[in-house]
Every structure is written in structure tokens, then in C-alpha cells.
Protein backbone atom coordinates (compact mmCIF):
# COMPACT_ATOMS: atom_id res chain seq x y z
CA MET A 1 -16.90 -5.49 10.33
CA THR A 2 -14.54 -2.29 11.07
CA THR A 3 -11.75 -1.66 9.57
CA ALA A 4 -8.74 -0.34 11.77
CA ILE A 5 -5.66 1.05 10.71
CA ASN A 6 -2.19 1.44 13.20
CA ALA A 7 -0.88 4.52 13.45
CA ILE A 8 2.33 6.09 15.39
CA CYS A 9 1.84 9.06 17.43
CA THR A 10 4.94 11.28 17.26
CA ALA A 11 4.05 13.13 20.06
CA CYS A 12 3.93 10.31 22.66
CA ASN A 13 5.75 7.37 20.53
CA ASN A 14 2.25 5.07 20.98
CA THR A 15 0.31 3.00 18.31
CA ILE A 16 -3.02 3.82 18.39
CA GLN A 17 -6.12 2.64 16.26
CA LEU A 18 -7.64 4.74 13.52
CA SER A 19 -11.47 3.67 13.24
CA GLN A 20 -12.79 4.82 9.53
CA GLU A 21 -14.54 7.73 10.88
CA ASP A 22 -10.96 9.05 12.31
CA LEU A 23 -9.55 8.19 8.81
CA GLU A 24 -12.51 10.32 7.32
CA GLN A 25 -11.52 12.87 9.64
CA LEU A 26 -7.47 13.34 8.92
CA GLY A 27 -8.87 12.78 5.32
CA ARG A 28 -10.68 15.93 5.33
CA SER A 29 -7.17 17.80 7.11
CA GLU A 30 -9.13 18.07 10.09
CA PRO A 31 -6.93 17.31 12.84
CA LEU A 32 -7.44 14.48 15.54
CA PRO A 33 -6.96 13.96 19.36
CA CYS A 34 -4.59 11.33 20.36
CA SER A 35 -6.38 8.62 22.64
CA GLU A 36 -2.82 8.22 24.48
CA CYS A 37 -1.46 12.12 25.10
CA ASP A 38 -4.34 13.94 23.90
CA ALA A 39 -2.50 16.27 21.61
CA MET A 40 -3.94 17.08 18.38
CA LEU A 41 -2.15 15.20 15.08
CA LYS A 42 -2.67 15.35 11.76
CA ILE A 43 -0.72 13.16 8.86
CA THR A 44 2.66 13.66 8.26
CA PRO A 45 3.84 12.17 4.53
CA ASP A 46 6.34 8.97 4.55
CA ALA A 47 9.77 9.46 3.35
CA ASN A 48 9.32 6.11 1.49
CA SER A 49 5.77 6.21 0.15
CA GLU A 50 6.43 7.78 -3.29
CA ARG A 51 9.66 5.19 -3.75
CA ASN A 52 7.38 2.16 -2.56
CA ALA A 53 4.79 3.30 -5.24
CA LYS A 54 7.02 3.56 -7.89
CA LEU A 55 8.44 0.11 -7.42
CA SER A 56 4.67 -1.19 -6.78
CA VAL A 57 3.71 0.03 -10.20
CA PHE A 58 6.95 -0.90 -12.10
CA ALA A 59 6.47 -4.23 -10.90
CA LEU A 60 2.92 -4.57 -11.93
CA THR A 61 4.45 -3.29 -15.50
CA ILE A 62 6.61 -6.05 -15.65
CA GLY A 63 4.65 -8.85 -14.98
CA ALA A 64 2.08 -7.45 -17.16
CA ALA A 65 4.48 -7.47 -20.08
CA ILE A 66 5.95 -10.86 -19.49
CA VAL A 67 2.13 -12.09 -19.38
CA ALA A 68 1.71 -10.25 -22.31
CA ILE A 69 4.51 -11.48 -24.70
CA VAL A 70 3.74 -15.00 -23.43
CA ALA A 71 0.31 -14.85 -24.89
CA LEU A 72 1.54 -12.58 -28.05
CA ILE A 73 4.08 -16.03 -28.71
CA ASN A 74 1.19 -18.49 -27.85
CA ILE A 75 -0.86 -16.60 -30.10
CA PHE A 76 1.31 -16.42 -33.08
CA GLY A 77 3.16 -19.90 -32.82
CA ASP A 78 3.44 -22.36 -29.66
CA ALA A 79 5.11 -21.03 -26.68
CA GLY A 80 5.12 -24.88 -25.11
CA PHE A 81 3.05 -24.10 -22.45
CA PRO A 82 -0.31 -22.10 -21.82
CA THR A 83 -0.31 -18.58 -20.86
CA TYR A 84 -1.77 -18.73 -17.36
CA PHE A 85 1.26 -21.23 -16.11
CA VAL A 86 3.00 -17.43 -16.56
CA ALA A 87 0.20 -15.29 -15.43
CA ILE A 88 -0.59 -17.01 -12.30
CA PRO A 89 2.45 -16.70 -10.50
CA VAL A 90 3.41 -13.19 -12.04
CA ILE A 91 -0.30 -12.05 -9.97
CA LEU A 92 1.24 -14.08 -6.52
CA VAL A 93 4.18 -12.31 -6.63
CA SER A 94 2.95 -9.33 -7.30
CA THR A 95 0.67 -9.24 -4.96
CA VAL A 96 2.88 -10.28 -1.97
CA LEU A 97 5.25 -7.54 -3.47
CA VAL A 98 2.35 -4.54 -3.09
CA SER A 99 1.29 -6.15 -0.08
CA SER A 100 4.86 -5.63 1.57
CA LEU A 101 5.80 -2.76 0.35
CA SER A 102 2.30 -1.00 1.65
CA ASN A 103 2.50 -2.45 5.02
CA SER A 104 3.56 0.40 6.60
CA LYS A 105 1.77 2.42 9.03
CA LEU A 106 0.58 6.27 9.31
CA ASN A 107 2.56 8.95 11.06
CA LEU A 108 0.94 11.46 13.12
CA ASP A 109 2.60 14.73 14.03
CA ARG A 110 1.51 16.87 16.41
CA VAL A 111 -0.75 19.92 15.39
CA GLU A 112 1.61 23.43 15.92
């Protein structure tokens, strides 16, 4: 199974699909030709990527802390419910949150 990632060419504003080989070429800082307009492209950083990464880490940290607190309560006493009653929803919510925050397209700018 091959993985294809959608990217936006800012030269022609078209969505193009990148194969694994294309991503490796971009990862080596080598320009890649656009399949639509033949412009040479490179990756440009997304303005929200750092904020989304921080939100993802924060959500996972809070979830882990909540599960750890319930686990400690169950070790030294009785919280009235098993730890997995908290762990499973936290894992599901964290997965959906991280997935939605990372569901963005790559922006490709023309090489000068």
C-alpha cells in the first residue's frame, strides 16, 4: 500500500498528491516539480504547526496526569471505579484531538 499526502502548490493553487519518494526528496531539501504547473517547489512551514504541536502535547499530558491520579487513588484506596474507565475515554479523546490537529496539508512554495 502506498501512502499519498495532499499538498498545495502556492504557485498554481492546485492540490497535488505526493508519494513517499516525493516526501523523501522534500525532506532532503531538494526541490520538487509541480505535476500541474511544472514549477520547482519546496516545503514552507505552516504558521499553526507549532501551536498545534503544543496543543497536542498539552492534551496528552493532561490526559496522562488524570489517568495517573485515578491509578494512584486506586492503589492507595478506592476511587469507586477501575482506572480503565478513565483511561479508555482519555485515549479516545486524545486520539481524535491529535488527529484533527494534524490533519493539514503541506504548503509548497516556488523555489526562487
